[in-house]
């Protein structure tokens, strides 16, 4: 009887260990995905902000500088 309880306890412990490993792997993958999403967002802000500043500069040149030369 004690051998059967030992086997059941061992199998239960193995199942819990496997579940913990799977949860840890999913957590790490989610963490990496969140970091990559943050980097992509920062890149998008940098590109979008750079484009906005460029367009603003062109608009100022066209509306203020070029219109006063005529």
Protein backbone atom coordinates (compact mmCIF):
# COMPACT_ATOMS: atom_id res chain seq x y z
CA UNK A 1 0.00 0.00 0.00
CA UNK A 2 2.81 2.42 0.81
CA UNK A 3 4.42 1.75 -2.56
CA UNK A 4 1.22 2.70 -4.36
CA UNK A 5 0.97 5.97 -2.39
CA UNK A 6 4.60 6.70 -3.22
CA UNK A 7 3.96 6.18 -6.92
CA UNK A 8 0.83 8.35 -6.84
CA UNK A 9 2.71 11.07 -4.97
CA UNK A 10 5.60 10.85 -7.45
CA UNK A 11 3.30 11.06 -10.45
CA UNK A 12 1.43 13.98 -8.90
CA UNK A 13 4.69 15.79 -8.20
CA UNK A 14 5.87 15.16 -11.77
CA UNK A 15 2.61 16.54 -13.19
CA UNK A 16 2.90 19.67 -11.02
CA UNK A 17 6.52 20.13 -12.13
CA UNK A 18 5.53 19.85 -15.80
CA UNK A 19 2.73 22.38 -15.32
CA UNK A 20 5.13 24.80 -13.59
CA UNK A 21 7.62 24.46 -16.45
CA UNK A 22 4.90 25.09 -19.05
CA UNK A 23 3.64 28.15 -17.16
CA UNK A 24 7.21 29.50 -16.90
CA UNK A 25 7.76 29.05 -20.65
CA UNK A 26 4.47 30.80 -21.48
CA UNK A 27 5.39 33.62 -19.08
CA UNK A 28 8.80 34.14 -20.68
CA UNK A 29 7.30 34.13 -24.18
CA UNK A 30 4.67 36.68 -23.10
CA UNK A 31 7.36 38.85 -21.52
CA UNK A 32 9.45 38.79 -24.69
CA UNK A 33 6.37 39.64 -26.77
CA UNK A 34 5.57 42.60 -24.51
CA UNK A 35 9.14 43.89 -24.79
CA UNK A 36 9.06 43.59 -28.58
CA UNK A 37 5.69 45.37 -28.72
CA UNK A 38 7.12 48.20 -26.62
CA UNK A 39 10.12 48.51 -28.91
CA UNK A 40 7.86 48.54 -31.95
CA UNK A 41 5.72 51.26 -30.37
CA UNK A 42 8.80 53.34 -29.58
CA UNK A 43 10.01 52.92 -33.15
CA UNK A 44 6.62 53.96 -34.48
CA UNK A 45 6.62 57.05 -32.29
CA UNK A 46 10.13 57.95 -33.45
CA UNK A 47 9.29 57.53 -37.14
CA UNK A 48 5.92 59.25 -36.83
CA UNK A 49 7.37 62.08 -34.76
CA UNK A 50 10.22 62.55 -37.20
CA UNK A 51 7.79 62.69 -40.10
CA UNK A 52 5.60 65.20 -38.26
CA UNK A 53 8.57 67.47 -37.54
CA UNK A 54 9.69 67.22 -41.16
CA UNK A 55 6.20 68.07 -42.44
CA UNK A 56 5.95 70.98 -40.00
CA UNK A 57 9.28 72.33 -41.23
CA UNK A 58 8.18 72.06 -44.86
CA UNK A 59 4.89 73.76 -44.03
CA UNK A 60 6.65 76.65 -42.27
CA UNK A 61 8.99 77.04 -45.23
CA UNK A 62 6.13 77.00 -47.72
CA UNK A 63 3.74 79.23 -45.77
CA UNK A 64 6.10 81.77 -44.20
CA UNK A 65 9.34 81.90 -46.12
CA UNK A 66 8.23 81.23 -49.70
CA UNK A 67 5.04 83.31 -49.44
CA UNK A 68 7.03 86.37 -48.31
CA UNK A 69 9.37 86.15 -51.29
CA UNK A 70 6.62 86.80 -53.84
